[in-house]
Amino acid sequence: MEATKFHTKLTTNDLKFYFGHSISVKEINIADSNVYSLVKELLSLAYPTLEDEYDKRWIYFYLPVSRNLEEVEEECEDEEIEKEDGLEEKSELIVIPVSIMEYKNEYHIMIQSFGIYHVSKGNINSEDIYTDIITEIKKFIPIIRKDEKILEELLPYDIRTGKIKGKYVLENILQQSELKTILQSYKDFISKGKEIKEISLNDYLNTSGICYKGAYKTEAEGLSNLEMYKKWADGRDGEMLSIKDWDSKEQFSNWFHGGHIGHPFEIVFSWHRHGIHLFPPSFSSNWYSLRVTNYAYAWNFLEMLKNLINEDIPFRSENLEDVLQYLAGETYFSVNSYEEHNLKYYNCEEYDHYLNHIEWDDIKIVKWKD
């Protein structure tokens, strides 16, 4: 049977309906002994790709599905396309990588770009799709075994994984000459060995104000240190602002080392992960510590760092070099997988320019048993 003539009962719309449009955070639990037996039978056809004393993993089987070409157009145009009456829907056959893990005699099935379901023995009759996924994978195996190169044709770029350097993704790039200047300026500053052991709350707010003025410039004009802190910080100050004497180094130290709840040192708040932190000197470090976690704020972080150097404030920034590499576009972004820096590729004309720069992962497949 040729792949072009292969008929599958599953569509990408089926997968979206049951799993959503992107990888599910929560596994779907299926306690169905019939599905369990089908998975076990499928796994008997191939050797585990990875195996240790805890689990076995098969990377990858391939699930054939039909995709309506209008779905692809809708993703590109970001709107629903109204179908004209009398026109036949156009579709294409594609394959989706599926990895399976066996852990404690139960199975975890991950359908790339769609979701995960967990199969155990049980008497609950599950939806047909969880059976169909396994049977369709199994039906397609003879075609793959006849010619594995067919996967190159059927695995679309919007599902295939890879990586791409940030310089092809980011709008603004830090030039190498500027990178070297900033890094040398920081190293020269650190070589002075400046330290500070104790600070008051006013000292901390003043230093955070230096950061804000560097990053936000005109937005920070006319604002007091406290106003800037309340404007950009997390807001959960752990009662730091309740310290009675804001000029007392002892009271700040007692509060700081006495334990606190919240995010008082996240001076730039971020809904995704953390934003920018300015940690005060502590028992283990006689300087401030500036760190950015969400690299959407990397440029703001860099301007803060420059201003701290200009104002001769003792500080360290442990992830500066990583940030500079990111801003210079030398950091890799994952393609179609969910890592810290990533790019979702779509089969759209405006994404074509990425194709010459994406380094696609090799197409992996399980090793079959004779």
Protein backbone atom coordinates (compact mmCIF):
# COMPACT_ATOMS: atom_id res chain seq x y z
CA MET A 1 0.00 0.00 0.00
CA GLU A 2 1.42 3.38 -1.02
CA ALA A 3 1.31 6.24 1.44
CA THR A 4 -0.59 8.44 -1.04
CA LYS A 5 -3.40 5.87 -1.09
CA PHE A 6 -3.43 5.32 2.66
CA HIS A 7 -6.74 6.19 4.28
CA THR A 8 -6.79 7.20 7.92
CA LYS A 9 -9.90 7.67 9.99
CA LEU A 10 -8.26 10.38 12.12
CA THR A 11 -7.93 14.09 11.39
CA THR A 12 -5.99 16.86 13.05
CA ASN A 13 -9.35 18.32 14.08
CA ASP A 14 -10.00 15.15 16.06
CA LEU A 15 -6.74 15.61 17.92
CA LYS A 16 -7.45 19.29 18.57
CA PHE A 17 -10.89 18.42 19.92
CA TYR A 18 -9.59 15.90 22.44
CA PHE A 19 -6.18 17.35 23.25
CA GLY A 20 -6.37 21.05 22.39
CA HIS A 21 -4.27 23.13 20.00
CA SER A 22 -0.97 22.71 21.83
CA ILE A 23 0.78 20.27 24.10
CA SER A 24 -1.42 19.65 27.14
CA VAL A 25 -0.01 20.38 30.57
CA LYS A 26 -2.26 17.75 32.12
CA GLU A 27 -2.31 14.13 31.06
CA ILE A 28 -5.61 12.53 30.08
CA ASN A 29 -6.06 9.38 32.15
CA ILE A 30 -7.47 6.30 30.41
CA ALA A 31 -8.22 3.28 32.64
CA ASP A 32 -9.21 0.91 29.85
CA SER A 33 -7.78 -2.61 29.59
CA ASN A 34 -8.66 -2.84 25.90
CA VAL A 35 -6.58 0.24 25.05
CA TYR A 36 -3.86 -1.03 27.39
CA SER A 37 -3.65 -4.32 25.46
CA LEU A 38 -3.43 -2.50 22.13
CA VAL A 39 -0.53 -0.35 23.37
CA LYS A 40 1.27 -3.41 24.70
CA GLU A 41 0.81 -5.17 21.35
CA LEU A 42 2.17 -2.13 19.49
CA LEU A 43 5.25 -1.94 21.71
CA SER A 44 5.99 -5.62 21.09
CA LEU A 45 6.83 -4.72 17.49
CA ALA A 46 9.86 -2.55 18.36
CA TYR A 47 12.77 -2.37 20.77
CA PRO A 48 12.82 0.38 23.41
CA THR A 49 14.92 3.36 22.32
CA LEU A 50 15.92 4.11 25.92
CA GLU A 51 15.73 1.81 28.90
CA ASP A 52 16.84 1.88 32.52
CA GLU A 53 15.74 0.35 35.81
CA TYR A 54 12.78 2.73 36.05
CA ASP A 55 11.22 3.05 32.60
CA LYS A 56 11.33 2.22 28.90
CA ARG A 57 10.85 4.71 26.07
CA TRP A 58 10.02 4.23 22.41
CA ILE A 59 11.04 7.20 20.17
CA TYR A 60 9.18 7.47 17.75
CA PHE A 61 6.16 5.78 16.24
CA TYR A 62 4.23 7.79 13.65
CA LEU A 63 0.53 8.57 13.62
CA PRO A 64 -1.02 9.18 10.17
CA VAL A 65 -3.76 11.80 10.15
CA SER A 66 -5.62 13.80 7.55
CA ARG A 67 -5.34 17.60 7.66
CA ASN A 68 -7.74 19.95 5.94
CA LEU A 69 -5.67 22.44 3.95
CA GLU A 70 -8.07 25.21 4.95
CA GLU A 71 -6.85 24.71 8.55
CA VAL A 72 -3.37 25.73 7.44
CA GLU A 73 -4.74 28.81 5.66
CA GLU A 74 -6.75 29.78 8.75
CA GLU A 75 -3.63 29.58 10.93
CA CYS A 76 -1.82 31.89 8.53
CA GLU A 77 -4.65 34.40 8.25
CA ASP A 78 -5.61 34.05 11.94
CA GLU A 79 -9.28 33.88 11.06
CA GLU A 80 -11.85 31.31 10.06
CA ILE A 81 -12.24 30.85 6.32
CA GLU A 82 -15.82 30.53 5.15
CA LYS A 83 -16.22 27.51 2.91
CA GLU A 84 -18.08 28.04 -0.34
CA ASP A 85 -21.03 25.72 -0.97
CA GLY A 86 -20.38 22.91 -3.40
CA LEU A 87 -16.61 22.97 -3.06
CA GLU A 88 -14.94 19.75 -1.93
CA GLU A 89 -12.62 20.03 1.05
CA LYS A 90 -8.95 19.56 0.18
CA SER A 91 -6.85 17.56 2.60
CA GLU A 92 -3.37 16.13 2.95
CA LEU A 93 -1.96 13.11 4.71
CA ILE A 94 0.62 13.95 7.35
CA VAL A 95 2.34 12.03 10.14
CA ILE A 96 2.84 13.07 13.74
CA PRO A 97 5.66 11.69 15.95
CA VAL A 98 4.41 9.70 18.94
CA SER A 99 6.65 8.65 21.81
CA ILE A 100 5.59 6.13 24.42
CA MET A 101 6.96 5.60 27.91
CA GLU A 102 6.32 2.52 30.00
CA TYR A 103 6.56 3.26 33.73
CA LYS A 104 5.40 0.92 36.50
CA ASN A 105 3.54 -1.20 33.92
CA GLU A 106 1.52 1.77 32.67
CA TYR A 107 1.89 3.77 29.47
CA HIS A 108 2.30 7.47 28.78
CA ILE A 109 1.66 8.36 25.14
CA MET A 110 2.84 11.76 23.89
CA ILE A 111 1.49 13.00 20.57
CA GLN A 112 3.89 15.72 19.49
CA SER A 113 2.33 19.20 19.32
CA PHE A 114 -1.00 17.95 20.64
CA GLY A 115 -1.01 16.22 24.02
CA ILE A 116 -0.45 13.26 26.32
CA TYR A 117 -2.61 10.44 27.58
CA HIS A 118 -1.90 7.93 30.30
CA VAL A 119 -3.12 4.36 29.83
CA SER A 120 -3.62 1.88 32.65
CA LYS A 121 -5.69 -1.26 33.10
CA GLY A 122 -9.30 -0.70 34.07
CA ASN A 123 -12.95 -1.23 33.21
CA ILE A 124 -13.81 2.27 32.03
CA ASN A 125 -14.83 2.36 28.38
CA SER A 126 -12.87 5.20 26.83
CA GLU A 127 -13.59 7.31 23.75
CA ASP A 128 -12.84 5.59 20.44
CA ILE A 129 -10.07 8.02 19.59
CA TYR A 130 -7.70 6.53 22.17
CA THR A 131 -8.08 3.15 20.48
CA ASP A 132 -7.94 4.63 16.99
CA ILE A 133 -4.62 6.36 17.66
CA ILE A 134 -2.93 3.06 18.42
CA THR A 135 -4.60 1.11 15.60
CA GLU A 136 -3.75 3.81 13.02
CA ILE A 137 -0.11 3.84 14.14
CA LYS A 138 0.01 0.09 13.74
CA LYS A 139 -1.69 0.14 10.32
CA PHE A 140 0.91 2.60 9.03
CA ILE A 141 3.95 0.59 10.14
CA PRO A 142 4.21 -1.55 6.94
CA ILE A 143 4.47 1.62 4.83
CA ILE A 144 7.24 3.03 7.02
CA ARG A 145 9.14 -0.25 7.06
CA LYS A 146 8.99 -0.40 3.28
CA ASP A 147 10.52 3.08 2.90
CA GLU A 148 11.38 5.22 5.92
CA LYS A 149 12.15 8.15 3.63
CA ILE A 150 8.39 8.64 3.30
CA LEU A 151 8.55 10.35 6.69
CA GLU A 152 10.55 13.21 5.16
CA GLU A 153 7.61 13.90 2.85
CA LEU A 154 4.81 13.45 5.37
CA LEU A 155 6.22 15.13 8.49
CA PRO A 156 5.31 18.83 8.01
CA TYR A 157 7.55 21.68 9.04
CA ASP A 158 4.98 23.04 11.51
CA ILE A 159 5.27 19.82 13.55
CA ARG A 160 8.88 18.83 12.94
CA THR A 161 11.31 20.05 15.60
CA GLY A 162 14.62 21.82 15.23
CA LYS A 163 16.53 24.90 16.29
CA ILE A 164 17.38 28.33 14.92
CA LYS A 165 19.75 31.06 16.06
CA GLY A 166 18.13 34.08 17.65
CA LYS A 167 19.63 36.50 15.12
CA TYR A 168 17.11 35.17 12.60
CA VAL A 169 14.21 35.61 15.03
CA LEU A 170 14.81 38.74 17.11
CA GLU A 171 13.93 42.18 15.75
CA ASN A 172 16.81 44.00 17.45
CA ILE A 173 20.32 42.57 17.62
CA LEU A 174 23.20 43.69 19.83
CA GLN A 175 26.26 44.24 17.67
CA GLN A 176 29.38 42.25 18.57
CA SER A 177 31.40 45.43 19.00
CA GLU A 178 28.92 46.72 21.58
CA LEU A 179 28.80 43.33 23.29
CA LYS A 180 32.57 43.36 23.74
CA THR A 181 32.49 46.95 25.04
CA ILE A 182 29.81 46.17 27.64
CA LEU A 183 31.51 42.97 28.77
CA GLN A 184 34.88 44.67 29.13
CA SER A 185 33.31 47.58 30.99
CA TYR A 186 31.72 45.14 33.42
CA LYS A 187 34.95 43.19 33.92
CA ASP A 188 36.88 46.41 34.53
CA PHE A 189 34.29 47.46 37.09
CA ILE A 190 34.43 44.10 38.90
CA SER A 191 38.21 44.27 39.01
CA LYS A 192 37.95 47.31 41.31
CA GLY A 193 36.69 44.97 44.00
CA LYS A 194 34.17 47.41 45.44
CA GLU A 195 32.04 46.00 48.27
CA ILE A 196 29.19 47.04 50.51
CA LYS A 197 28.23 45.08 53.62
CA GLU A 198 25.16 46.70 55.11
CA ILE A 199 22.37 48.78 53.61
CA SER A 200 19.15 50.43 54.76
CA LEU A 201 15.77 50.29 53.01
CA ASN A 202 16.43 53.75 51.59
CA ASP A 203 19.76 52.48 50.22
CA TYR A 204 17.97 49.61 48.50
CA LEU A 205 15.26 51.84 47.02
CA ASN A 206 17.89 54.29 45.83
CA THR A 207 19.78 51.51 44.05
CA SER A 208 16.57 50.17 42.50
CA GLY A 209 15.85 53.76 41.41
CA ILE A 210 19.21 53.86 39.60
CA CYS A 211 18.13 50.69 37.78
CA TYR A 212 14.72 52.11 36.85
CA LYS A 213 16.19 55.37 35.56
CA GLY A 214 18.60 53.41 33.38
CA ALA A 215 15.90 51.15 31.93
CA TYR A 216 12.87 53.42 31.68
CA LYS A 217 14.45 56.88 31.35
CA THR A 218 11.62 59.30 30.43
CA GLU A 219 8.98 57.09 32.10
CA ALA A 220 10.94 57.35 35.35
CA GLU A 221 11.41 61.11 35.20
CA GLY A 222 9.90 62.95 38.15
CA LEU A 223 9.16 59.76 40.09
CA SER A 224 10.56 59.10 43.56
CA ASN A 225 12.40 55.87 44.31
CA LEU A 226 9.33 54.53 46.09
CA GLU A 227 7.01 55.53 43.24
CA MET A 228 9.22 53.74 40.73
CA TYR A 229 9.35 50.64 42.92
CA LYS A 230 5.55 50.57 43.25
CA LYS A 231 5.14 51.15 39.50
CA TRP A 232 7.37 48.33 38.22
CA ALA A 233 8.04 45.87 41.05
CA ASP A 234 6.12 42.68 41.82
CA GLY A 235 4.14 44.30 44.60
CA ARG A 236 4.43 41.42 47.08
CA ASP A 237 7.08 43.17 49.14
CA GLY A 238 7.09 40.74 52.07
CA GLU A 239 6.44 43.69 54.43
CA MET A 240 9.74 45.27 53.41
CA LEU A 241 8.00 48.62 53.11
CA SER A 242 6.66 48.18 56.65
CA ILE A 243 10.15 48.62 58.16
CA LYS A 244 9.79 51.51 60.61
CA ASP A 245 13.09 53.31 60.13
CA TRP A 246 13.98 53.39 56.44
CA ASP A 247 17.45 54.71 57.22
CA SER A 248 18.28 51.92 59.68
CA LYS A 249 20.70 49.32 58.39
CA GLU A 250 20.01 47.18 61.44
CA GLN A 251 16.25 47.09 60.88
CA PHE A 252 16.69 46.23 57.19
CA SER A 253 19.13 43.44 58.11
CA ASN A 254 16.78 42.04 60.76
CA TRP A 255 13.91 42.00 58.28
CA PHE A 256 16.04 40.55 55.46
CA HIS A 257 17.63 37.75 57.51
CA GLY A 258 14.52 37.09 59.56
CA GLY A 259 12.74 35.44 56.66
CA HIS A 260 10.13 37.01 54.42
CA ILE A 261 7.34 35.89 52.11
CA GLY A 262 6.76 37.34 48.68
CA HIS A 263 8.95 38.78 45.94
CA PRO A 264 10.33 42.03 47.36
CA PHE A 265 13.42 41.99 45.14
CA GLU A 266 11.66 41.39 41.81
CA ILE A 267 11.99 45.02 40.79
CA VAL A 268 10.42 44.36 37.38
CA PHE A 269 7.42 42.06 37.52
CA SER A 270 6.69 39.47 34.85
CA TRP A 271 3.59 37.30 34.50
CA HIS A 272 5.73 34.70 32.72
CA ARG A 273 8.39 33.28 35.02
CA HIS A 274 10.21 36.15 36.79
CA GLY A 275 11.24 39.55 35.46
CA ILE A 276 14.31 41.32 36.84
CA HIS A 277 15.66 40.84 40.36
CA LEU A 278 17.88 43.15 42.36
CA PHE A 279 19.07 41.25 45.43
CA PRO A 280 20.66 43.20 48.31
CA PRO A 281 24.05 42.37 49.87
CA SER A 282 23.92 39.38 52.21
CA PHE A 283 26.08 37.34 54.56
CA SER A 284 27.64 35.55 51.59
CA SER A 285 28.05 38.46 49.15
CA ASN A 286 29.10 42.03 49.83
CA TRP A 287 27.37 43.50 46.81
CA TYR A 288 24.02 43.73 45.05
CA SER A 289 23.07 41.04 42.54
CA LEU A 290 21.23 41.89 39.31
CA ARG A 291 19.56 39.08 37.38
CA VAL A 292 16.99 38.78 34.59
CA THR A 293 14.92 35.62 34.17
CA ASN A 294 12.41 36.48 31.45
CA TYR A 295 14.57 37.57 28.53
CA ALA A 296 11.76 39.75 27.18
CA TYR A 297 13.25 42.23 29.65
CA ALA A 298 16.86 41.65 28.55
CA TRP A 299 17.30 45.14 27.05
CA ASN A 300 15.89 46.74 30.22
CA PHE A 301 18.27 44.63 32.27
CA LEU A 302 21.22 45.75 30.16
CA GLU A 303 20.39 49.43 30.64
CA MET A 304 20.11 48.84 34.39
CA LEU A 305 23.51 47.21 34.42
CA LYS A 306 25.09 50.14 32.55
CA ASN A 307 23.62 52.62 35.03
CA LEU A 308 24.84 50.66 38.04
CA ILE A 309 28.35 50.79 36.58
CA ASN A 310 28.04 54.52 35.87
CA GLU A 311 26.90 55.18 39.44
CA ASP A 312 29.69 53.01 40.88
CA ILE A 313 27.32 50.70 42.79
CA PRO A 314 28.93 47.43 44.01
CA PHE A 315 27.07 44.62 42.22
CA ARG A 316 27.46 41.39 40.29
CA SER A 317 25.46 39.92 37.42
CA GLU A 318 26.03 36.20 37.13
CA ASN A 319 24.07 35.71 33.91
CA LEU A 320 25.34 38.76 32.00
CA GLU A 321 27.26 36.76 29.41
CA ASP A 322 24.23 34.57 28.66
CA VAL A 323 22.09 37.69 28.25
CA LEU A 324 24.62 39.29 25.92
CA GLN A 325 24.78 36.15 23.77
CA TYR A 326 20.98 36.16 23.61
CA LEU A 327 20.78 39.83 22.58
CA ALA A 328 23.51 39.27 19.99
CA GLY A 329 21.39 36.51 18.45
CA GLU A 330 23.83 33.72 19.22
CA THR A 331 21.44 31.78 21.47
CA TYR A 332 19.50 28.97 19.85
CA PHE A 333 15.71 29.02 19.83
CA SER A 334 13.90 25.69 19.73
CA VAL A 335 11.48 25.24 16.83
CA ASN A 336 8.08 23.68 17.56
CA SER A 337 9.06 22.55 21.04
CA TYR A 338 8.58 24.25 24.35
CA GLU A 339 11.85 25.46 25.81
CA GLU A 340 12.96 28.78 27.30
CA HIS A 341 13.42 30.43 23.89
CA ASN A 342 11.28 29.08 21.10
CA LEU A 343 9.78 29.72 17.69
CA LYS A 344 6.51 28.22 16.51
CA TYR A 345 6.77 27.65 12.78
CA TYR A 346 3.68 27.92 10.59
CA ASN A 347 3.28 26.84 6.98
CA CYS A 348 2.74 30.44 5.93
CA GLU A 349 4.46 32.58 3.36
CA GLU A 350 5.68 35.05 5.99
CA TYR A 351 7.52 32.19 7.73
CA ASP A 352 9.32 30.95 4.59
CA HIS A 353 12.41 33.06 5.34
CA TYR A 354 13.10 30.94 8.43
CA LEU A 355 13.52 27.74 6.39
CA ASN A 356 17.05 28.58 5.23
CA HIS A 357 18.16 29.05 8.84
CA ILE A 358 16.38 26.29 10.78
CA GLU A 359 18.52 23.31 11.68
CA TRP A 360 15.99 20.49 11.67
CA ASP A 361 16.33 17.58 14.06
CA ASP A 362 16.98 14.20 12.50
CA ILE A 363 13.80 12.19 12.03
CA LYS A 364 13.99 9.45 14.63
CA ILE A 365 12.18 6.14 14.49
CA VAL A 366 12.01 3.06 16.66
CA LYS A 367 14.09 0.01 15.81
CA TRP A 368 11.78 -2.71 14.58
CA LYS A 369 11.88 -6.29 15.64
CA ASP A 370 12.10 -8.91 12.88
